[in-house]
Structure formats: C-alpha cells, structure tokens
Protein backbone atom coordinates (compact mmCIF):
# COMPACT_ATOMS: atom_id res chain seq x y z
CA MET A 1 13.61 13.39 11.91
CA PRO A 2 14.55 17.14 11.76
CA LEU A 3 15.89 18.69 8.37
CA VAL A 4 19.47 18.80 8.00
CA SER A 5 21.35 21.71 6.69
CA SER A 6 24.43 21.41 4.65
CA SER A 7 26.06 24.23 2.78
CA GLY A 8 22.73 26.45 2.82
CA GLU A 9 20.95 23.55 1.56
CA GLN A 10 18.21 21.69 3.26
CA TRP A 11 17.82 17.89 3.29
CA PHE A 12 15.35 15.38 4.63
CA GLY A 13 16.86 12.28 6.06
CA GLU A 14 15.02 8.95 6.93
CA ARG A 15 17.02 6.22 8.63
CA GLU A 16 16.27 2.94 7.17
CA ARG A 17 18.75 0.35 9.08
CA VAL A 18 21.71 1.22 11.41
CA GLY A 19 24.17 2.69 9.06
CA LEU A 20 21.94 3.67 6.29
CA GLU A 21 20.12 6.86 5.79
CA GLN A 22 18.42 8.09 2.66
CA ARG A 23 18.25 11.72 2.15
CA ILE A 24 16.16 13.94 -0.10
CA GLN A 25 16.91 17.55 -0.86
CA VAL A 26 14.08 19.92 0.24
CA ARG A 27 12.92 23.24 -1.15
CA GLY A 28 10.78 24.02 1.95
CA VAL A 29 8.45 22.85 4.47
CA LEU A 30 4.68 23.28 3.38
CA TYR A 31 3.00 21.97 6.37
CA GLU A 32 3.87 20.78 9.76
CA GLY A 33 1.74 19.55 12.50
CA ARG A 34 0.71 16.74 14.76
CA SER A 35 -2.46 14.66 15.09
CA ASP A 36 -3.72 12.48 17.90
CA TYR A 37 -1.70 9.66 16.20
CA GLN A 38 1.37 10.87 14.48
CA SER A 39 3.36 13.93 13.40
CA ILE A 40 2.46 15.08 9.83
CA ARG A 41 4.75 17.16 7.51
CA VAL A 42 4.28 18.06 3.68
CA LEU A 43 7.78 18.89 2.00
CA ASP A 44 8.48 20.64 -1.10
CA THR A 45 11.32 18.30 -2.39
CA VAL A 46 13.81 18.84 -5.30
CA PRO A 47 13.62 15.35 -6.86
CA PHE A 48 10.05 14.19 -6.23
CA GLY A 49 7.79 17.62 -5.74
CA ARG A 50 5.65 17.53 -2.90
CA ALA A 51 5.95 14.74 -0.20
CA LEU A 52 3.92 13.54 2.64
CA ILE A 53 6.07 12.44 5.78
CA LEU A 54 4.32 10.71 8.66
CA ASP A 55 6.19 10.35 11.90
CA GLY A 56 9.48 11.12 10.11
CA VAL A 57 8.87 8.40 7.42
CA LEU A 58 8.08 9.42 3.80
CA GLN A 59 4.82 7.96 2.68
CA THR A 60 4.11 9.23 -0.62
CA THR A 61 5.33 11.85 -3.41
CA GLU A 62 3.75 13.67 -6.54
CA THR A 63 6.36 12.10 -8.68
CA ASP A 64 6.07 8.54 -8.12
CA GLU A 65 2.83 7.85 -6.39
CA PHE A 66 1.44 6.43 -9.69
CA ILE A 67 3.50 3.56 -9.82
CA TYR A 68 2.75 2.55 -6.02
CA HIS A 69 -0.87 3.10 -6.33
CA GLU A 70 -1.36 1.67 -9.62
CA MET A 71 0.45 -1.51 -8.50
CA LEU A 72 -1.34 -1.86 -5.23
CA VAL A 73 -4.77 -1.62 -6.77
CA HIS A 74 -4.88 -2.66 -10.59
CA PRO A 75 -3.41 -6.20 -10.35
CA VAL A 76 -6.00 -7.07 -7.79
CA LEU A 77 -8.96 -5.40 -9.44
CA ILE A 78 -8.16 -6.45 -12.99
CA SER A 79 -7.98 -9.87 -11.56
CA LEU A 80 -11.93 -9.68 -10.84
CA SER A 81 -14.06 -9.86 -13.74
CA GLN A 82 -16.67 -7.37 -12.40
CA PRO A 83 -15.64 -5.81 -9.08
CA GLU A 84 -18.26 -3.82 -7.55
CA ARG A 85 -17.55 -3.27 -3.83
CA VAL A 86 -14.37 -2.62 -2.54
CA LEU A 87 -12.53 -1.97 0.87
CA ILE A 88 -9.87 0.41 1.48
CA ILE A 89 -8.05 0.39 4.84
CA GLY A 90 -5.82 3.31 5.29
CA GLY A 91 -4.78 5.20 2.07
CA GLY A 92 -5.56 8.94 3.38
CA ASP A 93 -3.60 10.42 0.71
CA GLY A 94 -6.34 9.27 -1.74
CA GLY A 95 -4.08 7.70 -4.48
CA CYS A 96 -5.25 4.29 -3.87
CA LEU A 97 -8.94 5.49 -3.87
CA ARG A 98 -8.54 7.35 -7.21
CA ARG A 99 -7.07 4.07 -8.97
CA ALA A 100 -9.94 1.99 -7.46
CA LEU A 101 -12.58 4.24 -8.74
CA GLU A 102 -11.24 4.01 -12.30
CA HIS A 103 -12.76 0.52 -12.20
CA ARG A 104 -16.31 1.60 -12.42
CA LEU A 105 -17.08 0.38 -8.92
CA ARG A 106 -20.68 0.37 -7.13
CA GLU A 107 -19.17 1.47 -3.91
CA VAL A 108 -15.94 1.98 -2.14
CA VAL A 109 -15.80 1.96 1.43
CA GLN A 110 -12.51 3.64 2.97
CA VAL A 111 -11.50 3.43 6.58
CA GLU A 112 -8.77 5.83 7.58
CA LEU A 113 -7.85 6.11 11.22
CA ASP A 114 -6.49 9.64 10.91
CA ARG A 115 -8.83 12.59 9.65
CA ALA A 116 -5.95 14.85 9.71
CA VAL A 117 -4.15 13.10 7.01
CA VAL A 118 -6.97 13.13 4.55
CA GLU A 119 -7.46 17.05 5.38
CA THR A 120 -3.72 17.72 4.94
CA CYS A 121 -3.42 15.69 1.82
CA ARG A 122 -6.52 17.31 0.16
CA ARG A 123 -5.05 20.67 0.87
CA TYR A 124 -1.33 20.22 0.08
CA LEU A 125 -1.34 17.06 -2.05
CA PRO A 126 -4.38 17.46 -4.27
CA ARG A 127 -2.88 15.94 -7.18
CA VAL A 128 -2.47 12.50 -5.50
CA SER A 129 -6.34 12.15 -5.12
CA SER A 130 -7.34 14.34 -8.06
CA GLY A 131 -10.66 14.81 -6.85
CA ALA A 132 -11.52 11.15 -5.58
CA PHE A 133 -12.68 12.18 -2.22
CA ASP A 134 -15.57 13.96 -3.89
CA ASP A 135 -16.99 10.90 -5.40
CA THR A 136 -20.37 9.92 -4.40
CA ARG A 137 -19.58 6.08 -4.70
CA LEU A 138 -17.30 6.84 -1.74
CA HIS A 139 -18.11 5.97 1.97
CA LEU A 140 -15.45 7.57 4.08
CA LEU A 141 -15.11 6.43 7.69
CA PHE A 142 -12.59 7.90 10.25
CA ALA A 143 -12.32 4.69 12.47
CA ASP A 144 -10.00 1.96 13.57
CA GLY A 145 -9.47 -0.31 10.44
CA TYR A 146 -9.04 -3.49 12.84
CA GLU A 147 -12.31 -2.69 14.60
CA PHE A 148 -14.35 -2.03 11.28
CA VAL A 149 -13.29 -5.47 9.65
CA GLU A 150 -14.09 -7.20 13.12
CA GLU A 151 -17.77 -5.80 13.11
CA ALA A 152 -18.16 -5.92 9.36
CA GLN A 153 -20.90 -8.17 7.79
CA GLU A 154 -21.40 -7.32 4.13
CA PRO A 155 -18.89 -8.97 1.73
CA PHE A 156 -16.39 -7.06 -0.44
CA ASP A 157 -14.97 -8.12 -3.59
CA ALA A 158 -11.43 -6.69 -2.92
CA ILE A 159 -9.77 -5.41 0.30
CA ILE A 160 -6.82 -3.04 -0.02
CA VAL A 161 -4.70 -2.52 2.92
CA ASP A 162 -2.79 0.81 2.36
CA LEU A 163 -1.03 1.47 5.58
CA THR A 164 2.31 2.91 7.16
CA ASP A 165 4.85 0.41 7.43
CA PRO A 166 4.45 -2.05 10.17
CA LEU A 167 7.15 -0.74 12.51
CA PRO A 168 6.78 0.24 16.14
CA PRO A 169 5.31 2.30 17.67
CA GLY A 170 3.22 2.98 14.53
CA PRO A 171 -0.50 2.78 14.93
CA SER A 172 -0.84 -0.06 12.16
CA LEU A 173 0.87 -2.72 13.86
CA ARG A 174 -1.90 -5.26 14.46
CA LEU A 175 -3.40 -4.73 10.93
CA PHE A 176 -0.50 -6.91 9.76
CA THR A 177 -0.93 -9.97 11.92
CA ALA A 178 -2.55 -13.39 11.14
CA GLU A 179 -5.58 -12.39 13.37
CA PHE A 180 -6.36 -9.40 11.11
CA TYR A 181 -6.01 -11.32 7.99
CA GLN A 182 -8.36 -13.93 9.37
CA LEU A 183 -11.00 -11.32 9.75
CA VAL A 184 -10.27 -9.92 6.38
CA ARG A 185 -10.87 -13.27 4.82
CA ARG A 186 -14.17 -13.82 6.53
CA ILE A 187 -15.74 -10.68 4.76
CA LEU A 188 -13.94 -11.42 1.00
CA LYS A 189 -16.36 -12.73 -1.19
CA GLU A 190 -15.44 -16.42 -2.42
CA ASP A 191 -13.46 -15.24 -5.51
CA GLY A 192 -12.19 -12.18 -3.56
CA LEU A 193 -8.76 -10.90 -3.34
CA MET A 194 -6.64 -8.92 -0.61
CA VAL A 195 -3.61 -6.92 -1.07
CA THR A 196 -1.31 -5.07 1.32
CA GLN A 197 1.85 -3.16 0.65
CA SER A 198 4.93 -5.08 2.10
CA SER A 199 7.85 -3.09 2.25
CA SER A 200 11.29 -3.30 0.52
CA PRO A 201 12.31 -6.97 -0.29
CA LEU A 202 16.12 -5.66 -0.01
CA LEU A 203 16.11 -3.44 3.02
CA LEU A 204 13.15 -4.54 4.96
CA THR A 205 13.07 -8.32 4.26
CA ASP A 206 11.90 -9.33 7.66
CA GLU A 207 9.01 -7.30 7.25
CA LEU A 208 8.06 -8.64 4.00
CA LEU A 209 8.57 -12.07 5.15
CA ARG A 210 6.49 -11.78 8.23
CA ILE A 211 3.59 -10.45 6.33
CA TYR A 212 4.12 -13.33 3.78
CA VAL A 213 4.08 -15.96 6.65
CA ASN A 214 1.00 -14.50 8.37
CA LEU A 215 -0.86 -14.26 5.16
CA LYS A 216 0.00 -18.12 4.40
CA ALA A 217 -1.35 -18.86 7.67
CA VAL A 218 -4.85 -17.73 6.40
CA PHE A 219 -4.98 -17.99 2.72
CA PRO A 220 -4.14 -20.80 0.38
CA LEU A 221 -2.80 -18.62 -2.18
CA VAL A 222 -0.44 -15.89 -1.74
CA ARG A 223 1.48 -13.78 -4.38
CA VAL A 224 4.21 -11.22 -4.16
CA CYS A 225 4.79 -8.63 -6.71
CA LEU A 226 7.50 -6.12 -7.18
CA ALA A 227 7.78 -2.56 -8.66
CA PRO A 228 10.23 0.30 -8.34
CA VAL A 229 9.08 3.32 -6.32
CA PRO A 230 12.30 5.62 -6.65
CA SER A 231 11.50 7.74 -3.27
CA TYR A 232 11.20 4.65 -1.08
CA PRO A 233 14.16 2.89 0.50
CA GLY A 234 15.83 0.62 -1.47
CA VAL A 235 13.67 1.73 -4.50
CA LEU A 236 12.40 -2.04 -5.04
CA TRP A 237 9.07 -2.37 -3.52
CA SER A 238 6.67 -5.34 -2.83
CA PHE A 239 2.96 -5.90 -2.76
CA THR A 240 1.34 -9.22 -1.44
CA LEU A 241 -1.99 -10.46 -2.54
CA ALA A 242 -3.84 -13.31 -1.23
CA SER A 243 -6.99 -14.94 -2.08
CA GLY A 244 -8.71 -18.29 -1.67
CA GLY A 245 -7.89 -19.46 -4.95
CA ASN A 246 -8.40 -16.63 -7.48
CA ASP A 247 -4.84 -16.39 -8.83
CA PRO A 248 -3.65 -13.04 -10.73
CA LEU A 249 -1.20 -15.27 -12.77
CA ALA A 250 -3.94 -17.13 -14.26
CA LEU A 251 -4.70 -14.13 -16.52
CA ASP A 252 -2.98 -13.70 -19.97
CA GLU A 253 -2.20 -10.35 -21.39
CA ALA A 254 -5.16 -10.12 -23.73
CA THR A 255 -7.67 -10.56 -20.94
CA VAL A 256 -5.61 -7.73 -18.87
CA ARG A 257 -5.77 -5.49 -21.95
CA GLN A 258 -9.62 -6.16 -22.61
CA ARG A 259 -10.44 -5.65 -18.91
CA LEU A 260 -8.56 -2.06 -18.98
CA GLU A 261 -9.92 -1.16 -22.18
CA ALA A 262 -13.53 -2.03 -21.12
CA ARG A 263 -13.16 0.06 -17.98
CA GLY A 264 -11.48 3.03 -19.87
CA ILE A 265 -8.31 2.73 -17.81
CA SER A 266 -5.02 4.21 -19.19
CA PRO A 267 -2.28 3.39 -16.47
CA ARG A 268 1.01 5.00 -16.51
CA TYR A 269 3.16 2.31 -15.28
CA TYR A 270 0.74 -0.77 -14.81
CA SER A 271 -0.09 -2.55 -18.31
CA PRO A 272 -0.70 -6.22 -19.48
CA GLN A 273 2.85 -7.20 -19.63
CA MET A 274 3.73 -5.73 -16.39
CA HIS A 275 0.87 -7.36 -14.60
CA LEU A 276 2.58 -10.72 -15.43
CA ALA A 277 6.30 -9.49 -15.32
CA SER A 278 5.93 -7.76 -11.72
CA PHE A 279 5.26 -11.51 -10.38
CA ALA A 280 8.43 -12.92 -11.76
CA LEU A 281 10.63 -12.76 -8.52
CA PRO A 282 14.30 -12.70 -8.32
CA PRO A 283 15.94 -15.98 -7.18
CA PHE A 284 17.01 -14.58 -3.84
CA LEU A 285 13.31 -13.58 -2.93
CA ALA A 286 11.89 -16.60 -4.54
CA ASP A 287 14.04 -19.02 -2.43
CA LEU A 288 13.14 -16.98 0.83
CA LEU A 289 9.51 -17.34 0.21
CA ALA A 290 9.77 -20.82 -0.85
CA GLU A 291 10.98 -21.67 2.79
CA PRO A 292 9.95 -19.30 5.18
CA GLU A 293 9.86 -21.88 7.95
CA ARG A 294 13.68 -21.54 7.88
CA PHE A 295 13.22 -18.37 9.66
CA GLN A 296 12.24 -19.53 13.09
CA ASP A 297 11.69 -16.07 14.42
CA LEU A 298 8.70 -15.42 12.20
CA LYS A 299 5.61 -16.34 14.21
CA ALA A 300 2.30 -16.10 12.21
CA SER A 301 0.46 -14.68 15.19
CA GLN A 302 2.74 -11.73 15.91
CA PRO A 303 2.63 -8.40 14.44
CA VAL A 304 5.52 -7.00 12.27
CA ALA A 305 8.28 -5.31 14.25
CA GLN A 306 11.78 -3.95 13.55
C-alpha cells in the first residue's frame, strides 16, 4: 500500500479487514525494491523506529521485535532440557535466529525462501539480528521450506516456523497446512516441539483457528500462548506450539529460571512468570479452541486463507 500524505505528514497504512486500517506515521523510506517473491520496503517510523514491510504488510520493527521473537523462541527451547539442533523456517530478519542462538545450541539450520529479505535486513535492520547471521553455528539455506522439510532426514530438537501471515497470494500458504505439519512431525525428535506464529486472536481469528485445527490433526498436544506486539494489528498476538507430548505447561517457574540462568539468557519480555502466564487464555479464545469442530469451514487439509 502506498504511503498516504496528510497535512504534510506521511503515513503507512495496512488494511486488516474491511472497514479497518492501521496507520503508522513515517519519517521516510530507507529502502524500496522487489525480489522474485515479494515487494520489500524498510520504513523509518515515528513510534517504532525502522520497520520491515513485505507485500504491504508490516513484519517487524526495531522497537517491539524483542517481544515477538522472545515469545516465538524461548517457550519452546526452555521446554527442552538440552536442545542442540534447531530448524528455523523463514525468519529472514534474523530476530528469531538471534534468540535461538542464546540457548547455546550446537547447530541452527535456517531455511529462508527470499535471499533479498536477509540481505535487506542485514543492511537496514542490523539491530534485529545483532550479528546472528555471522555465527559459525548457523547453516543458512535459501530454499523452499516445504521442500526442505519434505526431503530432510536428520531430526531436530525444535522447529520454529517464522513466516509471513498465511494469506493469499503470499508464498507461505502451504507451510500452514496439515500436510506440512505431518512432515514437520516426522523430523522432530521424540520429545521435540514445534512452534508457529499464528496471527491475531482478535482480528485474524479464522487464521489462528485454522492453524490450530491443522496442528491438532497431526500432534496430540497443541498449546496457544499470547503476547502483546504493539505494531501488529490488534496488538494481541498468538503463537501455537505442538509436540508429541512434551508440554510447556509442565514446567514450573523454578525450572524456567534455572534454565535461563544456566544458559546465560536475560530476556526483556519473557520470564519464568511470563512463561506460564502467556498460556492462560481469555475465555473467548479458550472456548473457541475447545470446540473448533463448530467451525465447519475449517478443514484440516486446507491452507489458511483470508
């Protein structure tokens, strides 16, 4: 969406639903281009600093990325006593990679479709990755995430799916299907966990419910946790975790604290208290997730679509 001028000011507008648009004031455009897959812009915004925009949709900002990336990564990896090998699908801004490497992993394999996103973020949003792309433990591949998982053989302790919203005509649609989650489970270790960002429970409820239904078709244990990300539509954001039985809620505060201290991690948002509190769902959402079969249009084999 082009920038809108109003009284000499520039604003970035993102339409979330019919009749609803979120606007952020912009100081200037730092980069604008197009890759083989999507349009890419980096804006200097007034409230959030530098922001990455893909196909007209805000992906991350310097100011609040730490909330999103900590809550995508830490609940999963803290739930593992000794994670060593992690797969990240997407995450081209490097924020997810940065937090994963804090866990003293032996290896991170990151599969990002669009090389241009990584190159743009390394140049214009270096604070997000903070040098993570130079870590020798990283094996970075520019490839299709679905095809990589389909062909992978060696198992992972955790798989983190950090993709653009699952809305057409985006390139990530089939990475939110039950078929993809079945492939993911095949390469997870027995006690391994996976996590995916799963949109706004308030404004993008259909997307969250479809992800939940698709994961429930594959994994016996699925949990949703919440965190506020002020630059995202509706502010309240969801993350959905799944496993063969390893339950993040089985941890107590003391264990979370001990693991954070042992790994030398000092998060800015995530904490032992927040680990448990983030899984406490408001009744409206708990009720929806308790009876997803009420939503007859949510078919486990279909990709998420708006």
